[in-house]
Amino acid sequence: MSLRIVMGAMMIGTTLAMAAAEAAEPLKAGIIGLDTSHVTAFTQLLNAPNSRPEVAGVRVVAAYPGGSPDIPSSANRVEQYTRTLKEKHGVQIVDSIDELLKRVDVVFLESVDGRPHLEQARPVFKARKPVFIDKPMAGSLADAIALYDLARETNTPCFSSSSLRFSPGILSLRTSPKLGEIVGCDTFGPCELEPHHPDLFWYGIHGVEILYTVMGTGCETVARTHAEGTDLAVGLWKDGRIGTFRGNRRAPYKFGGTAFGTKGIAPVGDYAGYEPLVVEIVKFFKTGKPPVSAEETIEIYAFMEAADESQRQGGRPVSVAEVISKARGK
């Protein structure tokens, strides 16, 4: 065997070994916003010494605290969660998003306040780092649309979702053979209000996301009935199906509902924790393929915005398409 062949084989072997080593290296993740319990829960799952294979391969290495002084549930949590990430998980705390982006491959945008998400995401999209944007995706429908526009313009993988979507007892209903074709769904969940956000954005998003997980897209109009302790949003889908969300502020803190199919009726499952969502985020970071489409997420936020507009108009049904068009400035 000639020396040239031997050397060539050695170089190929070295290249393959280097590629294998690089493949074994976990993706370095950064977190923007340390004012929600999600940051400690996600980091605990990802950085555990013996993490499950489904969540292996992504490690949180850096974080930017952020925080919103005009929302107590944000301002009062930043110090605690920052300390936990630094001292318990060895995460490097940085003083800017630009500094964060120098250290990471992928990003969790976790600020509990949806209003700053668009500005916080701009440098992430500019750097073309895949990003998961936690709920609420934005502080307005217009900002949610702008975020997806930036993702498309920069060709940056991006998605947003409530953790409720991926609970097994919820996600499986849309394609359940026992239910058959879904003809309707009623969901319920907590619906705390926050004055800086549209009413359903802050916590109603969870129950609305459950509704869309089961029903899919295609809602044409939304009508809302509002009372001090309850909101009821009724959506009419273009194929005649009806889906509802009941937001509770007095009832027990639970999620659930009922799915109606052509073959059966079944309860909508309860919350299954953060891990199913983290599994999907890890898949997304590794593949660049969002598990929830931009179109579905935009319609979810349009549903909630239409519910607000319906309340302003005394409960009259409001067009989802018109709400989206208005948010786009058309």
Protein backbone atom coordinates (compact mmCIF):
# COMPACT_ATOMS: atom_id res chain seq x y z
CA MET A 1 0.00 0.00 0.00
CA SER A 2 1.47 3.36 -0.99
CA LEU A 3 2.29 6.07 1.52
CA ARG A 4 -0.20 8.40 -0.23
CA ILE A 5 -3.05 5.92 0.29
CA VAL A 6 -2.08 5.38 3.92
CA MET A 7 -1.90 9.11 4.59
CA GLY A 8 -5.23 9.65 2.83
CA ALA A 9 -6.88 6.96 4.93
CA MET A 10 -5.44 8.51 8.10
CA MET A 11 -6.76 11.96 7.15
CA ILE A 12 -10.24 10.55 6.43
CA GLY A 13 -10.17 8.69 9.73
CA THR A 14 -9.14 11.82 11.59
CA THR A 15 -11.88 13.86 9.90
CA LEU A 16 -14.52 11.27 10.78
CA ALA A 17 -13.29 11.12 14.37
CA MET A 18 -13.44 14.90 14.65
CA ALA A 19 -16.96 14.93 13.19
CA ALA A 20 -18.04 12.26 15.65
CA ALA A 21 -16.57 14.23 18.53
CA GLU A 22 -18.31 17.38 17.38
CA ALA A 23 -21.58 15.49 17.04
CA ALA A 24 -21.19 14.25 20.63
CA GLU A 25 -20.76 17.79 21.92
CA PRO A 26 -24.04 19.15 23.31
CA LEU A 27 -25.58 22.23 21.81
CA LYS A 28 -24.84 25.23 24.00
CA ALA A 29 -28.09 26.95 25.00
CA GLY A 30 -28.62 30.44 26.34
CA ILE A 31 -31.62 31.84 28.22
CA ILE A 32 -32.98 35.36 27.89
CA GLY A 33 -35.14 36.33 30.87
CA LEU A 34 -34.79 34.79 34.33
CA ASP A 35 -38.18 35.72 35.76
CA THR A 36 -40.18 32.50 35.34
CA SER A 37 -40.03 29.07 36.94
CA HIS A 38 -39.57 27.65 33.45
CA VAL A 39 -35.88 28.61 33.46
CA THR A 40 -35.03 26.51 36.50
CA ALA A 41 -37.30 23.63 35.46
CA PHE A 42 -35.88 23.50 31.92
CA THR A 43 -32.29 23.80 33.11
CA GLN A 44 -32.80 21.06 35.69
CA LEU A 45 -33.96 18.71 32.94
CA LEU A 46 -31.28 19.65 30.40
CA ASN A 47 -28.26 19.91 32.69
CA ALA A 48 -28.94 16.86 34.85
CA PRO A 49 -25.87 14.56 35.00
CA ASN A 50 -27.88 11.59 33.77
CA SER A 51 -30.56 13.28 31.70
CA ARG A 52 -32.95 11.09 29.73
CA PRO A 53 -31.94 10.48 26.09
CA GLU A 54 -34.96 12.50 24.92
CA VAL A 55 -33.57 15.68 26.50
CA ALA A 56 -29.86 14.96 26.11
CA GLY A 57 -27.67 16.93 23.75
CA VAL A 58 -28.61 20.47 24.80
CA ARG A 59 -27.02 22.17 27.79
CA VAL A 60 -27.76 25.60 29.28
CA VAL A 61 -24.44 27.44 29.60
CA ALA A 62 -25.33 31.16 29.75
CA ALA A 63 -28.21 33.43 30.71
CA TYR A 64 -29.22 37.08 30.60
CA PRO A 65 -31.49 38.01 33.56
CA GLY A 66 -33.70 40.72 32.04
CA GLY A 67 -36.88 41.38 34.05
CA SER A 68 -39.79 43.87 33.94
CA PRO A 69 -39.97 46.34 36.85
CA ASP A 70 -43.66 47.14 36.25
CA ILE A 71 -44.76 43.49 36.65
CA PRO A 72 -44.22 42.33 40.26
CA SER A 73 -44.25 38.64 39.33
CA SER A 74 -41.30 39.38 37.07
CA ALA A 75 -39.28 41.84 39.15
CA ASN A 76 -39.61 39.77 42.33
CA ARG A 77 -38.26 36.58 40.79
CA VAL A 78 -35.18 37.61 38.81
CA GLU A 79 -32.72 37.56 41.71
CA GLN A 80 -33.82 34.15 42.97
CA TYR A 81 -33.78 32.40 39.61
CA THR A 82 -30.49 34.05 38.63
CA ARG A 83 -28.88 32.77 41.81
CA THR A 84 -30.26 29.25 41.28
CA LEU A 85 -28.94 29.01 37.72
CA LYS A 86 -25.53 30.34 38.70
CA GLU A 87 -24.98 28.47 41.95
CA LYS A 88 -26.84 25.20 41.38
CA HIS A 89 -26.37 24.67 37.66
CA GLY A 90 -23.13 26.54 36.91
CA VAL A 91 -24.71 28.78 34.29
CA GLN A 92 -22.70 31.85 33.29
CA ILE A 93 -24.69 35.06 33.90
CA VAL A 94 -24.01 37.77 31.29
CA ASP A 95 -24.98 41.44 31.17
CA SER A 96 -26.29 41.66 27.58
CA ILE A 97 -28.02 39.63 24.91
CA ASP A 98 -25.14 40.30 22.51
CA GLU A 99 -22.71 38.76 25.00
CA LEU A 100 -25.04 35.77 25.42
CA LEU A 101 -25.14 35.16 21.68
CA LYS A 102 -21.34 34.92 21.51
CA ARG A 103 -21.45 31.93 23.85
CA VAL A 104 -24.38 29.84 22.61
CA ASP A 105 -25.75 27.87 19.66
CA VAL A 106 -29.47 28.06 20.48
CA VAL A 107 -31.72 30.31 22.56
CA PHE A 108 -34.62 30.06 24.99
CA LEU A 109 -36.48 33.41 25.09
CA GLU A 110 -38.13 33.05 28.50
CA SER A 111 -39.00 36.57 29.69
CA VAL A 112 -42.37 36.16 31.41
CA ASP A 113 -43.44 39.54 29.98
CA GLY A 114 -44.36 39.21 26.31
CA ARG A 115 -43.91 42.92 25.54
CA PRO A 116 -40.08 42.95 25.22
CA HIS A 117 -39.89 39.72 23.22
CA LEU A 118 -39.73 41.40 19.82
CA GLU A 119 -36.81 43.64 20.74
CA GLN A 120 -35.07 40.87 22.67
CA ALA A 121 -35.42 38.56 19.67
CA ARG A 122 -34.07 40.98 17.06
CA PRO A 123 -30.36 40.29 17.79
CA VAL A 124 -31.14 36.55 18.05
CA PHE A 125 -32.62 36.54 14.56
CA LYS A 126 -29.77 38.69 13.27
CA ALA A 127 -27.35 36.07 14.60
CA ARG A 128 -29.57 33.33 13.12
CA LYS A 129 -29.66 31.32 16.32
CA PRO A 130 -32.63 28.90 16.53
CA VAL A 131 -34.98 30.20 19.23
CA PHE A 132 -37.87 28.90 21.31
CA ILE A 133 -40.10 31.77 22.48
CA ASP A 134 -42.09 30.97 25.60
CA LYS A 135 -45.63 32.12 26.26
CA PRO A 136 -46.92 34.70 25.85
CA MET A 137 -45.08 34.92 22.55
CA ALA A 138 -45.61 38.68 22.47
CA GLY A 139 -47.53 41.50 24.10
CA SER A 140 -49.68 42.00 21.00
CA LEU A 141 -50.80 40.12 17.92
CA ALA A 142 -48.87 42.61 15.77
CA ASP A 143 -45.64 41.76 17.61
CA ALA A 144 -46.29 38.01 17.29
CA ILE A 145 -46.67 38.44 13.53
CA ALA A 146 -43.53 40.60 13.40
CA LEU A 147 -41.55 37.90 15.20
CA TYR A 148 -42.49 35.30 12.61
CA ASP A 149 -41.78 37.78 9.82
CA LEU A 150 -38.26 38.25 11.20
CA ALA A 151 -37.81 34.48 11.50
CA ARG A 152 -38.76 34.07 7.84
CA GLU A 153 -36.65 37.00 6.61
CA THR A 154 -33.54 35.74 8.40
CA ASN A 155 -34.29 32.06 7.75
CA THR A 156 -34.04 31.37 11.48
CA PRO A 157 -35.89 28.38 13.00
CA CYS A 158 -38.41 29.59 15.59
CA PHE A 159 -41.48 28.38 17.43
CA SER A 160 -43.62 29.16 20.44
CA SER A 161 -45.93 26.95 22.46
CA SER A 162 -47.56 26.41 25.81
CA SER A 163 -46.28 23.34 27.63
CA LEU A 164 -49.88 22.07 27.74
CA ARG A 165 -49.87 21.28 24.00
CA PHE A 166 -47.50 18.34 24.35
CA SER A 167 -49.14 16.64 27.34
CA PRO A 168 -49.85 13.11 26.02
CA GLY A 169 -53.53 13.17 27.03
CA ILE A 170 -54.00 16.33 24.94
CA LEU A 171 -51.73 15.92 21.93
CA SER A 172 -53.07 12.48 21.05
CA LEU A 173 -56.71 13.57 20.73
CA ARG A 174 -56.45 15.28 17.32
CA THR A 175 -55.60 11.96 15.65
CA SER A 176 -57.29 9.50 18.02
CA PRO A 177 -58.90 6.59 16.11
CA LYS A 178 -61.35 6.10 18.97
CA LEU A 179 -62.64 9.66 18.57
CA GLY A 180 -62.65 9.76 14.80
CA GLU A 181 -62.85 13.15 13.14
CA ILE A 182 -62.91 16.01 15.66
CA VAL A 183 -66.19 17.91 15.44
CA GLY A 184 -65.80 20.16 18.48
CA CYS A 185 -63.96 20.79 21.72
CA ASP A 186 -64.59 22.63 25.00
CA THR A 187 -61.55 23.48 27.14
CA PHE A 188 -61.04 25.22 30.47
CA GLY A 189 -58.15 26.52 32.53
CA PRO A 190 -56.93 29.31 34.80
CA CYS A 191 -57.20 32.80 33.32
CA GLU A 192 -55.39 35.30 35.50
CA LEU A 193 -55.31 38.79 34.01
CA GLU A 194 -52.31 41.12 33.75
CA PRO A 195 -53.00 44.78 32.89
CA HIS A 196 -50.12 45.13 30.42
CA HIS A 197 -51.29 42.26 28.19
CA PRO A 198 -54.47 41.42 26.25
CA ASP A 199 -56.66 39.50 28.69
CA LEU A 200 -56.18 35.93 27.46
CA PHE A 201 -52.50 36.33 26.53
CA TRP A 202 -51.20 36.17 30.10
CA TYR A 203 -52.58 32.83 31.28
CA GLY A 204 -55.58 32.02 29.13
CA ILE A 205 -53.06 31.13 26.42
CA HIS A 206 -52.69 27.67 27.99
CA GLY A 207 -56.35 26.74 27.64
CA VAL A 208 -56.60 28.28 24.16
CA GLU A 209 -53.53 26.30 23.07
CA ILE A 210 -55.22 23.12 24.31
CA LEU A 211 -58.25 24.03 22.19
CA TYR A 212 -56.09 24.47 19.07
CA THR A 213 -54.10 21.31 19.78
CA VAL A 214 -57.35 19.37 19.48
CA MET A 215 -59.19 21.45 16.84
CA GLY A 216 -56.44 22.67 14.54
CA THR A 217 -56.68 25.92 12.58
CA GLY A 218 -59.62 27.36 10.69
CA CYS A 219 -61.49 29.48 13.22
CA GLU A 220 -63.47 32.24 11.49
CA THR A 221 -65.11 34.19 14.33
CA VAL A 222 -64.84 34.52 18.10
CA ALA A 223 -67.47 35.79 20.55
CA ARG A 224 -66.67 36.44 24.21
CA THR A 225 -68.73 36.69 27.35
CA HIS A 226 -66.89 38.32 30.27
CA ALA A 227 -67.66 38.28 33.98
CA GLU A 228 -65.55 39.16 37.01
CA GLY A 229 -64.41 35.59 37.62
CA THR A 230 -64.93 33.94 34.25
CA ASP A 231 -64.43 34.41 30.52
CA LEU A 232 -66.06 32.29 27.84
CA ALA A 233 -64.73 32.52 24.29
CA VAL A 234 -66.69 30.69 21.58
CA GLY A 235 -65.03 30.07 18.23
CA LEU A 236 -66.82 29.09 15.04
CA TRP A 237 -64.60 27.16 12.60
CA LYS A 238 -65.05 27.48 8.84
CA ASP A 239 -66.30 23.89 8.53
CA GLY A 240 -69.06 24.48 11.08
CA ARG A 241 -67.24 23.10 14.11
CA ILE A 242 -67.47 24.98 17.41
CA GLY A 243 -64.68 25.24 19.98
CA THR A 244 -64.84 27.00 23.34
CA PHE A 245 -62.45 28.13 26.05
CA ARG A 246 -63.64 28.84 29.60
CA GLY A 247 -61.14 30.92 31.57
CA ASN A 248 -61.54 30.53 35.31
CA ARG A 249 -60.46 32.94 38.05
CA ARG A 250 -62.52 31.42 40.86
CA ALA A 251 -62.61 27.71 40.11
CA PRO A 252 -59.79 25.32 41.10
CA TYR A 253 -56.48 25.71 39.31
CA LYS A 254 -56.92 22.94 36.73
CA PHE A 255 -56.80 22.39 32.99
CA GLY A 256 -59.08 20.11 31.02
CA GLY A 257 -62.06 19.85 28.75
CA THR A 258 -64.02 17.58 26.44
CA ALA A 259 -63.28 16.59 22.85
CA PHE A 260 -66.14 15.57 20.57
CA GLY A 261 -65.53 13.21 17.65
CA THR A 262 -67.56 11.39 15.05
CA LYS A 263 -66.91 8.10 16.86
CA GLY A 264 -66.77 9.15 20.49
CA ILE A 265 -66.40 11.75 23.22
CA ALA A 266 -63.34 11.93 25.45
CA PRO A 267 -61.97 14.07 28.28
CA VAL A 268 -59.06 16.35 27.47
CA GLY A 269 -56.08 15.33 29.56
CA ASP A 270 -54.57 17.39 32.36
CA TYR A 271 -51.16 19.05 32.51
CA ALA A 272 -48.24 16.58 32.32
CA GLY A 273 -45.39 18.89 33.39
CA TYR A 274 -42.60 20.59 31.48
CA GLU A 275 -40.71 17.56 30.20
CA PRO A 276 -42.88 16.82 27.11
CA LEU A 277 -42.32 20.41 25.95
CA VAL A 278 -38.57 20.25 26.62
CA VAL A 279 -38.37 17.03 24.59
CA GLU A 280 -39.93 18.85 21.63
CA ILE A 281 -37.64 21.86 22.06
CA VAL A 282 -34.58 19.59 22.03
CA LYS A 283 -35.81 17.93 18.81
CA PHE A 284 -36.39 21.38 17.33
CA PHE A 285 -32.91 22.62 18.24
CA LYS A 286 -31.33 19.51 16.71
CA THR A 287 -33.37 19.45 13.50
CA GLY A 288 -34.40 23.07 12.94
CA LYS A 289 -37.97 21.85 12.32
CA PRO A 290 -40.64 23.63 14.41
CA PRO A 291 -43.27 21.27 15.88
CA VAL A 292 -45.91 24.02 15.67
CA SER A 293 -46.39 26.09 12.53
CA ALA A 294 -46.24 29.88 12.44
CA GLU A 295 -49.74 29.90 10.95
CA GLU A 296 -51.24 27.99 13.86
CA THR A 297 -49.53 30.09 16.51
CA ILE A 298 -50.57 33.34 14.80
CA GLU A 299 -54.16 32.12 14.66
CA ILE A 300 -54.05 31.25 18.38
CA TYR A 301 -53.05 34.83 19.21
CA ALA A 302 -55.61 36.17 16.74
CA PHE A 303 -58.29 34.08 18.49
CA MET A 304 -57.37 35.72 21.80
CA GLU A 305 -57.20 39.21 20.27
CA ALA A 306 -60.60 38.64 18.61
CA ALA A 307 -61.97 37.65 22.02
CA ASP A 308 -60.79 40.99 23.43
CA GLU A 309 -62.31 42.86 20.51
CA SER A 310 -65.57 40.97 20.98
CA GLN A 311 -65.73 42.11 24.59
CA ARG A 312 -65.14 45.70 23.49
CA GLN A 313 -68.07 45.28 21.09
CA GLY A 314 -70.44 43.83 23.69
CA GLY A 315 -69.94 40.17 22.81
CA ARG A 316 -70.48 40.44 19.05
CA PRO A 317 -68.64 37.77 16.98
CA VAL A 318 -65.39 39.16 15.57
CA SER A 319 -63.62 37.92 12.45
CA VAL A 320 -60.23 36.28 13.07
CA ALA A 321 -59.07 37.13 9.55
CA GLU A 322 -59.96 40.80 10.02
CA VAL A 323 -58.06 40.91 13.31
CA ILE A 324 -54.97 39.47 11.61
CA SER A 325 -55.30 41.91 8.70
CA LYS A 326 -55.55 44.84 11.11
CA ALA A 327 -52.50 43.66 13.05
CA ARG A 328 -50.56 43.51 9.78
CA GLY A 329 -51.55 47.09 9.07
CA LYS A 330 -53.64 46.24 6.03
